[in-house]
Amino acid sequence: MDDILNIKKSDMKKMSFNKLVENLESINEYFQSTQELDIEKGLELYKKSLDFIVIAKEKLTNLEEEKRKIDEIYDNLFNDKNT
């Protein structure tokens, strides 16, 4: 988990959406599998997971917008052929 805790926000922003989710899953597995939780480490991981979630949400929003633009271009091309 130390490797995840050492990831900077600037590095998170460079990660793919899938990699962000993978890191979130690793944090979740840590919480699910740890018998005796180190409260300080747990709190740091919890804060880090919020950073991953915020950045993943931003990426997802951007991907949805990109898809919407591509769909719009496709629709315009398709509709132009029928006129």
PDB file of N, CA and C in Angstrom:
ATOM      1  N   MET A   1       0.800  -1.194   0.000  1.00  0.00           N
ATOM      2  CA  MET A   1       0.000   0.000   0.000  1.00  0.00           C
ATOM      3  C   MET A   1       0.847   1.265   0.000  1.00  0.00           C
ATOM      4  N   ASP A   2       2.084   1.148   0.454  1.00  0.00           N
ATOM      5  CA  ASP A   2       2.944   2.330   0.478  1.00  0.00           C
ATOM      6  C   ASP A   2       3.142   2.906  -0.918  1.00  0.00           C
ATOM      7  N   ASP A   3       3.203   2.021  -1.934  1.00  0.00           N
ATOM      8  CA  ASP A   3       3.372   2.514  -3.292  1.00  0.00           C
ATOM      9  C   ASP A   3       2.165   3.355  -3.725  1.00  0.00           C
ATOM     10  N   ILE A   4       0.971   2.956  -3.326  1.00  0.00           N
ATOM     11  CA  ILE A   4      -0.224   3.731  -3.647  1.00  0.00           C
ATOM     12  C   ILE A   4      -0.228   5.054  -2.876  1.00  0.00           C
ATOM     13  N   LEU A   5       0.172   5.002  -1.618  1.00  0.00           N
ATOM     14  CA  LEU A   5       0.209   6.232  -0.816  1.00  0.00           C
ATOM     15  C   LEU A   5       1.198   7.253  -1.373  1.00  0.00           C
ATOM     16  N   ASN A   6       2.216   6.781  -2.072  1.00  0.00           N
ATOM     17  CA  ASN A   6       3.241   7.677  -2.612  1.00  0.00           C
ATOM     18  C   ASN A   6       2.887   8.270  -3.974  1.00  0.00           C
ATOM     19  N   ILE A   7       1.749   7.882  -4.528  1.00  0.00           N
ATOM     20  CA  ILE A   7       1.343   8.421  -5.832  1.00  0.00           C
ATOM     21  C   ILE A   7       0.853   9.856  -5.655  1.00  0.00           C
ATOM     22  N   LYS A   8       1.420  10.752  -6.433  1.00  0.00           N
ATOM     23  CA  LYS A   8       1.044  12.165  -6.379  1.00  0.00           C
ATOM     24  C   LYS A   8      -0.173  12.417  -7.271  1.00  0.00           C
ATOM     25  N   LYS A   9      -0.917  13.465  -6.958  1.00  0.00           N
ATOM     26  CA  LYS A   9      -2.086  13.811  -7.774  1.00  0.00           C
ATOM     27  C   LYS A   9      -1.699  14.045  -9.224  1.00  0.00           C
ATOM     28  N   SER A  10      -0.555  14.670  -9.446  1.00  0.00           N
ATOM     29  CA  SER A  10      -0.118  14.930 -10.821  1.00  0.00           C
ATOM     30  C   SER A  10       0.110  13.620 -11.580  1.00  0.00           C
ATOM     31  N   ASP A  11       0.594  12.597 -10.879  1.00  0.00           N
ATOM     32  CA  ASP A  11       0.776  11.291 -11.514  1.00  0.00           C
ATOM     33  C   ASP A  11      -0.562  10.590 -11.724  1.00  0.00           C
ATOM     34  N   MET A  12      -1.487  10.794 -10.792  1.00  0.00           N
ATOM     35  CA  MET A  12      -2.823  10.208 -10.946  1.00  0.00           C
ATOM     36  C   MET A  12      -3.492  10.728 -12.210  1.00  0.00           C
ATOM     37  N   LYS A  13      -3.315  12.020 -12.474  1.00  0.00           N
ATOM     38  CA  LYS A  13      -3.959  12.632 -13.634  1.00  0.00           C
ATOM     39  C   LYS A  13      -3.425  12.064 -14.942  1.00  0.00           C
ATOM     40  N   LYS A  14      -2.243  11.477 -14.917  1.00  0.00           N
ATOM     41  CA  LYS A  14      -1.648  10.873 -16.107  1.00  0.00           C
ATOM     42  C   LYS A  14      -2.097   9.420 -16.303  1.00  0.00           C
ATOM     43  N   MET A  15      -2.706   8.844 -15.266  1.00  0.00           N
ATOM     44  CA  MET A  15      -3.135   7.442 -15.326  1.00  0.00           C
ATOM     45  C   MET A  15      -4.401   7.292 -16.173  1.00  0.00           C
ATOM     46  N   SER A  16      -4.546   6.113 -16.730  1.00  0.00           N
ATOM     47  CA  SER A  16      -5.784   5.803 -17.444  1.00  0.00           C
ATOM     48  C   SER A  16      -6.909   5.607 -16.429  1.00  0.00           C
ATOM     49  N   PHE A  17      -8.117   5.693 -16.903  1.00  0.00           N
ATOM     50  CA  PHE A  17      -9.277   5.452 -16.048  1.00  0.00           C
ATOM     51  C   PHE A  17      -9.182   4.064 -15.418  1.00  0.00           C
ATOM     52  N   ASN A  18      -8.811   3.080 -16.219  1.00  0.00           N
ATOM     53  CA  ASN A  18      -8.714   1.700 -15.713  1.00  0.00           C
ATOM     54  C   ASN A  18      -7.664   1.561 -14.612  1.00  0.00           C
ATOM     55  N   LYS A  19      -6.552   2.252 -14.750  1.00  0.00           N
ATOM     56  CA  LYS A  19      -5.501   2.193 -13.725  1.00  0.00           C
ATOM     57  C   LYS A  19      -5.977   2.847 -12.431  1.00  0.00           C
ATOM     58  N   LEU A  20      -6.715   3.930 -12.538  1.00  0.00           N
ATOM     59  CA  LEU A  20      -7.274   4.572 -11.348  1.00  0.00           C
ATOM     60  C   LEU A  20      -8.211   3.612 -10.617  1.00  0.00           C
ATOM     61  N   VAL A  21      -9.061   2.945 -11.371  1.00  0.00           N
ATOM     62  CA  VAL A  21      -9.996   1.985 -10.772  1.00  0.00           C
ATOM     63  C   VAL A  21      -9.235   0.811 -10.162  1.00  0.00           C
ATOM     64  N   GLU A  22      -8.189   0.371 -10.824  1.00  0.00           N
ATOM     65  CA  GLU A  22      -7.360  -0.723 -10.302  1.00  0.00           C
ATOM     66  C   GLU A  22      -6.773  -0.349  -8.935  1.00  0.00           C
ATOM     67  N   ASN A  23      -6.293   0.870  -8.809  1.00  0.00           N
ATOM     68  CA  ASN A  23      -5.753   1.322  -7.525  1.00  0.00           C
ATOM     69  C   ASN A  23      -6.838   1.406  -6.463  1.00  0.00           C
ATOM     70  N   LEU A  24      -8.019   1.855  -6.831  1.00  0.00           N
ATOM     71  CA  LEU A  24      -9.138   1.873  -5.893  1.00  0.00           C
ATOM     72  C   LEU A  24      -9.493   0.469  -5.427  1.00  0.00           C
ATOM     73  N   GLU A  25      -9.467  -0.472  -6.348  1.00  0.00           N
ATOM     74  CA  GLU A  25      -9.748  -1.861  -5.992  1.00  0.00           C
ATOM     75  C   GLU A  25      -8.696  -2.413  -5.033  1.00  0.00           C
ATOM     76  N   SER A  26      -7.451  -2.026  -5.231  1.00  0.00           N
ATOM     77  CA  SER A  26      -6.385  -2.465  -4.326  1.00  0.00           C
ATOM     78  C   SER A  26      -6.602  -1.917  -2.918  1.00  0.00           C
ATOM     79  N   ILE A  27      -7.007  -0.664  -2.835  1.00  0.00           N
ATOM     80  CA  ILE A  27      -7.294  -0.072  -1.529  1.00  0.00           C
ATOM     81  C   ILE A  27      -8.465  -0.795  -0.874  1.00  0.00           C
ATOM     82  N   ASN A  28      -9.491  -1.061  -1.640  1.00  0.00           N
ATOM     83  CA  ASN A  28     -10.648  -1.782  -1.119  1.00  0.00           C
ATOM     84  C   ASN A  28     -10.255  -3.165  -0.600  1.00  0.00           C
ATOM     85  N   GLU A  29      -9.432  -3.872  -1.358  1.00  0.00           N
ATOM     86  CA  GLU A  29      -8.965  -5.196  -0.937  1.00  0.00           C
ATOM     87  C   GLU A  29      -8.179  -5.100   0.374  1.00  0.00           C
ATOM     88  N   TYR A  30      -7.384  -4.057   0.509  1.00  0.00           N
ATOM     89  CA  TYR A  30      -6.619  -3.855   1.747  1.00  0.00           C
ATOM     90  C   TYR A  30      -7.567  -3.763   2.934  1.00  0.00           C
ATOM     91  N   PHE A  31      -8.590  -2.915   2.799  1.00  0.00           N
ATOM     92  CA  PHE A  31      -9.537  -2.750   3.906  1.00  0.00           C
ATOM     93  C   PHE A  31     -10.309  -4.041   4.185  1.00  0.00           C
ATOM     94  N   GLN A  32     -10.644  -4.780   3.149  1.00  0.00           N
ATOM     95  CA  GLN A  32     -11.429  -6.007   3.317  1.00  0.00           C
ATOM     96  C   GLN A  32     -10.604  -7.141   3.920  1.00  0.00           C
ATOM     97  N   SER A  33      -9.299  -7.165   3.642  1.00  0.00           N
ATOM     98  CA  SER A  33      -8.492  -8.312   4.047  1.00  0.00           C
ATOM     99  C   SER A  33      -7.668  -8.091   5.312  1.00  0.00           C
ATOM    100  N   THR A  34      -7.554  -6.854   5.767  1.00  0.00           N
ATOM    101  CA  THR A  34      -6.717  -6.547   6.923  1.00  0.00           C
ATOM    102  C   THR A  34      -7.468  -6.857   8.215  1.00  0.00           C
ATOM    103  N   GLN A  35      -6.877  -7.716   9.026  1.00  0.00           N
ATOM    104  CA  GLN A  35      -7.495  -8.089  10.295  1.00  0.00           C
ATOM    105  C   GLN A  35      -7.330  -6.989  11.343  1.00  0.00           C
ATOM    106  N   GLU A  36      -6.109  -6.488  11.474  1.00  0.00           N
ATOM    107  CA  GLU A  36      -5.832  -5.417  12.431  1.00  0.00           C
ATOM    108  C   GLU A  36      -5.414  -4.180  11.660  1.00  0.00           C
ATOM    109  N   LEU A  37      -6.358  -3.276  11.514  1.00  0.00           N
ATOM    110  CA  LEU A  37      -6.150  -2.082  10.715  1.00  0.00           C
ATOM    111  C   LEU A  37      -5.272  -1.063  11.442  1.00  0.00           C
ATOM    112  N   ASP A  38      -4.247  -0.603  10.747  1.00  0.00           N
ATOM    113  CA  ASP A  38      -3.436   0.520  11.223  1.00  0.00           C
ATOM    114  C   ASP A  38      -4.249   1.774  10.930  1.00  0.00           C
ATOM    115  N   ILE A  39      -4.786   2.403  11.962  1.00  0.00           N
ATOM    116  CA  ILE A  39      -5.735   3.499  11.795  1.00  0.00           C
ATOM    117  C   ILE A  39      -5.148   4.678  11.020  1.00  0.00           C
ATOM    118  N   GLU A  40      -3.874   5.017  11.265  1.00  0.00           N
ATOM    119  CA  GLU A  40      -3.254   6.128  10.543  1.00  0.00           C
ATOM    120  C   GLU A  40      -3.122   5.799   9.054  1.00  0.00           C
ATOM    121  N   LYS A  41      -2.658   4.601   8.776  1.00  0.00           N
ATOM    122  CA  LYS A  41      -2.504   4.183   7.383  1.00  0.00           C
ATOM    123  C   LYS A  41      -3.878   4.087   6.708  1.00  0.00           C
ATOM    124  N   GLY A  42      -4.845   3.565   7.449  1.00  0.00           N
ATOM    125  CA  GLY A  42      -6.197   3.460   6.915  1.00  0.00           C
ATOM    126  C   GLY A  42      -6.770   4.823   6.553  1.00  0.00           C
ATOM    127  N   LEU A  43      -6.548   5.807   7.393  1.00  0.00           N
ATOM    128  CA  LEU A  43      -7.034   7.155   7.123  1.00  0.00           C
ATOM    129  C   LEU A  43      -6.346   7.755   5.898  1.00  0.00           C
ATOM    130  N   GLU A  44      -5.045   7.536   5.793  1.00  0.00           N
ATOM    131  CA  GLU A  44      -4.304   8.034   4.624  1.00  0.00           C
ATOM    132  C   GLU A  44      -4.811   7.367   3.337  1.00  0.00           C
ATOM    133  N   LEU A  45      -5.072   6.076   3.406  1.00  0.00           N
ATOM    134  CA  LEU A  45      -5.598   5.369   2.233  1.00  0.00           C
ATOM    135  C   LEU A  45      -6.998   5.857   1.878  1.00  0.00           C
ATOM    136  N   TYR A  46      -7.780   6.139   2.894  1.00  0.00           N
ATOM    137  CA  TYR A  46      -9.130   6.656   2.666  1.00  0.00           C
ATOM    138  C   TYR A  46      -9.057   8.005   1.943  1.00  0.00           C
ATOM    139  N   LYS A  47      -8.176   8.889   2.402  1.00  0.00           N
ATOM    140  CA  LYS A  47      -7.993  10.182   1.741  1.00  0.00           C
ATOM    141  C   LYS A  47      -7.483   9.996   0.310  1.00  0.00           C
ATOM    142  N   LYS A  48      -6.547   9.079   0.140  1.00  0.00           N
ATOM    143  CA  LYS A  48      -5.987   8.836  -1.191  1.00  0.00           C
ATOM    144  C   LYS A  48      -7.053   8.289  -2.135  1.00  0.00           C
ATOM    145  N   SER A  49      -7.939   7.443  -1.596  1.00  0.00           N
ATOM    146  CA  SER A  49      -9.000   6.879  -2.433  1.00  0.00           C
ATOM    147  C   SER A  49      -9.936   7.981  -2.931  1.00  0.00           C
ATOM    148  N   LEU A  50     -10.165   9.006  -2.114  1.00  0.00           N
ATOM    149  CA  LEU A  50     -10.992  10.126  -2.566  1.00  0.00           C
ATOM    150  C   LEU A  50     -10.330  10.871  -3.717  1.00  0.00           C
ATOM    151  N   ASP A  51      -9.003  11.004  -3.668  1.00  0.00           N
ATOM    152  CA  ASP A  51      -8.278  11.619  -4.784  1.00  0.00           C
ATOM    153  C   ASP A  51      -8.465  10.790  -6.057  1.00  0.00           C
ATOM    154  N   PHE A  52      -8.327   9.473  -5.927  1.00  0.00           N
ATOM    155  CA  PHE A  52      -8.525   8.595  -7.092  1.00  0.00           C
ATOM    156  C   PHE A  52      -9.939   8.735  -7.647  1.00  0.00           C
ATOM    157  N   ILE A  53     -10.927   8.798  -6.760  1.00  0.00           N
ATOM    158  CA  ILE A  53     -12.320   8.896  -7.192  1.00  0.00           C
ATOM    159  C   ILE A  53     -12.579  10.209  -7.924  1.00  0.00           C
ATOM    160  N   VAL A  54     -12.089  11.309  -7.374  1.00  0.00           N
ATOM    161  CA  VAL A  54     -12.298  12.617  -8.007  1.00  0.00           C
ATOM    162  C   VAL A  54     -11.679  12.644  -9.401  1.00  0.00           C
ATOM    163  N   ILE A  55     -10.464  12.164  -9.519  1.00  0.00           N
ATOM    164  CA  ILE A  55      -9.774  12.186 -10.815  1.00  0.00           C
ATOM    165  C   ILE A  55     -10.432  11.213 -11.788  1.00  0.00           C
ATOM    166  N   ALA A  56     -10.832  10.045 -11.314  1.00  0.00           N
ATOM    167  CA  ALA A  56     -11.517   9.076 -12.177  1.00  0.00           C
ATOM    168  C   ALA A  56     -12.839   9.659 -12.675  1.00  0.00           C
ATOM    169  N   LYS A  57     -13.555  10.349 -11.814  1.00  0.00           N
ATOM    170  CA  LYS A  57     -14.826  10.971 -12.211  1.00  0.00           C
ATOM    171  C   LYS A  57     -14.584  12.038 -13.282  1.00  0.00           C
ATOM    172  N   GLU A  58     -13.538  12.838 -13.120  1.00  0.00           N
ATOM    173  CA  GLU A  58     -13.191  13.845 -14.126  1.00  0.00           C
ATOM    174  C   GLU A  58     -12.875  13.176 -15.463  1.00  0.00           C
ATOM    175  N   LYS A  59     -12.087  12.104 -15.404  1.00  0.00           N
ATOM    176  CA  LYS A  59     -11.732  11.396 -16.637  1.00  0.00           C
ATOM    177  C   LYS A  59     -12.968  10.809 -17.298  1.00  0.00           C
ATOM    178  N   LEU A  60     -13.848  10.223 -16.514  1.00  0.00           N
ATOM    179  CA  LEU A  60     -15.070   9.631 -17.052  1.00  0.00           C
ATOM    180  C   LEU A  60     -15.943  10.706 -17.702  1.00  0.00           C
ATOM    181  N   THR A  61     -16.053  11.851 -17.061  1.00  0.00           N
ATOM    182  CA  THR A  61     -16.822  12.959 -17.628  1.00  0.00           C
ATOM    183  C   THR A  61     -16.224  13.392 -18.961  1.00  0.00           C
ATOM    184  N   ASN A  62     -14.900  13.494 -19.022  1.00  0.00           N
ATOM    185  CA  ASN A  62     -14.228  13.871 -20.272  1.00  0.00           C
ATOM    186  C   ASN A  62     -14.432  12.822 -21.359  1.00  0.00           C
ATOM    187  N   LEU A  63     -14.364  11.552 -20.986  1.00  0.00           N
ATOM    188  CA  LEU A  63     -14.581  10.483 -21.959  1.00  0.00           C
ATOM    189  C   LEU A  63     -16.013  10.491 -22.486  1.00  0.00           C
ATOM    190  N   GLU A  64     -16.963  10.734 -21.600  1.00  0.00           N
ATOM    191  CA  GLU A  64     -18.367  10.817 -22.027  1.00  0.00           C
ATOM    192  C   GLU A  64     -18.574  11.980 -22.986  1.00  0.00           C
ATOM    193  N   GLU A  65     -17.952  13.109 -22.703  1.00  0.00           N
ATOM    194  CA  GLU A  65     -18.062  14.277 -23.576  1.00  0.00           C
ATOM    195  C   GLU A  65     -17.424  13.990 -24.934  1.00  0.00           C
ATOM    196  N   GLU A  66     -16.279  13.338 -24.928  1.00  0.00           N
ATOM    197  CA  GLU A  66     -15.611  12.983 -26.182  1.00  0.00           C
ATOM    198  C   GLU A  66     -16.490  12.050 -27.013  1.00  0.00           C
ATOM    199  N   LYS A  67     -17.101  11.074 -26.364  1.00  0.00           N
ATOM    200  CA  LYS A  67     -18.001  10.150 -27.075  1.00  0.00           C
ATOM    201  C   LYS A  67     -19.202  10.895 -27.634  1.00  0.00           C
ATOM    202  N   ARG A  68     -19.755  11.827 -26.857  1.00  0.00           N
ATOM    203  CA  ARG A  68     -20.901  12.601 -27.325  1.00  0.00           C
ATOM    204  C   ARG A  68     -20.538  13.384 -28.588  1.00  0.00           C
ATOM    205  N   LYS A  69     -19.333  13.962 -28.618  1.00  0.00           N
ATOM    206  CA  LYS A  69     -18.885  14.713 -29.791  1.00  0.00           C
ATOM    207  C   LYS A  69     -18.706  13.796 -30.992  1.00  0.00           C
ATOM    208  N   ILE A  70     -18.138  12.629 -30.763  1.00  0.00           N
ATOM    209  CA  ILE A  70     -17.952  11.668 -31.851  1.00  0.00           C
ATOM    210  C   ILE A  70     -19.306  11.221 -32.388  1.00  0.00           C
ATOM    211  N   ASP A  71     -20.246  10.944 -31.488  1.00  0.00           N
ATOM    212  CA  ASP A  71     -21.597  10.544 -31.910  1.00  0.00           C
ATOM    213  C   ASP A  71     -22.260  11.650 -32.721  1.00  0.00           C
ATOM    214  N   GLU A  72     -22.057  12.886 -32.306  1.00  0.00           N
ATOM    215  CA  GLU A  72     -22.640  14.020 -33.025  1.00  0.00           C
ATOM    216  C   GLU A  72     -22.062  14.111 -34.435  1.00  0.00           C
ATOM    217  N   ILE A  73     -20.754  13.947 -34.565  1.00  0.00           N
ATOM    218  CA  ILE A  73     -20.119  13.966 -35.890  1.00  0.00           C
ATOM    219  C   ILE A  73     -20.664  12.834 -36.749  1.00  0.00           C
ATOM    220  N   TYR A  74     -20.774  11.662 -36.163  1.00  0.00           N
ATOM    221  CA  TYR A  74     -21.301  10.509 -36.895  1.00  0.00           C
ATOM    222  C   TYR A  74     -22.735  10.775 -37.358  1.00  0.00           C
ATOM    223  N   ASP A  75     -23.560  11.291 -36.441  1.00  0.00           N
ATOM    224  CA  ASP A  75     -24.955  11.579 -36.787  1.00  0.00           C
ATOM    225  C   ASP A  75     -25.045  12.606 -37.911  1.00  0.00           C
ATOM    226  N   ASN A  76     -24.194  13.629 -37.861  1.00  0.00           N
ATOM    227  CA  ASN A  76     -24.197  14.645 -38.916  1.00  0.00           C
ATOM    228  C   ASN A  76     -23.782  14.047 -40.253  1.00  0.00           C
ATOM    229  N   LEU A  77     -22.811  13.182 -40.255  1.00  0.00           N
ATOM    230  CA  LEU A  77     -22.385  12.526 -41.495  1.00  0.00           C
ATOM    231  C   LEU A  77     -23.480  11.632 -42.039  1.00  0.00           C
ATOM    232  N   PHE A  78     -24.098  10.878 -41.170  1.00  0.00           N
ATOM    233  CA  PHE A  78     -25.163   9.956 -41.577  1.00  0.00           C
ATOM    234  C   PHE A  78     -26.375  10.707 -42.094  1.00  0.00           C
ATOM    235  N   ASN A  79     -26.746  11.767 -41.421  1.00  0.00           N
ATOM    236  CA  ASN A  79     -27.907  12.549 -41.847  1.00  0.00           C
ATOM    237  C   ASN A  79     -27.638  13.294 -43.132  1.00  0.00           C
ATOM    238  N   ASP A  80     -26.395  13.734 -43.371  1.00  0.00           N
ATOM    239  CA  ASP A  80     -26.040  14.427 -44.618  1.00  0.00           C
ATOM    240  C   ASP A  80     -26.182  13.507 -45.813  1.00  0.00           C
ATOM    241  N   LYS A  81     -25.891  12.214 -45.650  1.00  0.00           N
ATOM    242  CA  LYS A  81     -25.977  11.266 -46.753  1.00  0.00           C
ATOM    243  C   LYS A  81     -27.419  11.008 -47.172  1.00  0.00           C
ATOM    244  N   ASN A  82     -28.346  11.183 -46.263  1.00  0.00           N
ATOM    245  CA  ASN A  82     -29.752  10.912 -46.555  1.00  0.00           C
ATOM    246  C   ASN A  82     -30.500  12.114 -47.120  1.00  0.00           C
ATOM    247  N   THR A  83     -29.842  13.235 -47.227  1.00  0.00           N
ATOM    248  CA  THR A  83     -30.554  14.424 -47.730  1.00  0.00           C
ATOM    249  C   THR A  83     -30.305  14.649 -49.185  1.00  0.00           C
TER     250      THR A  83
END
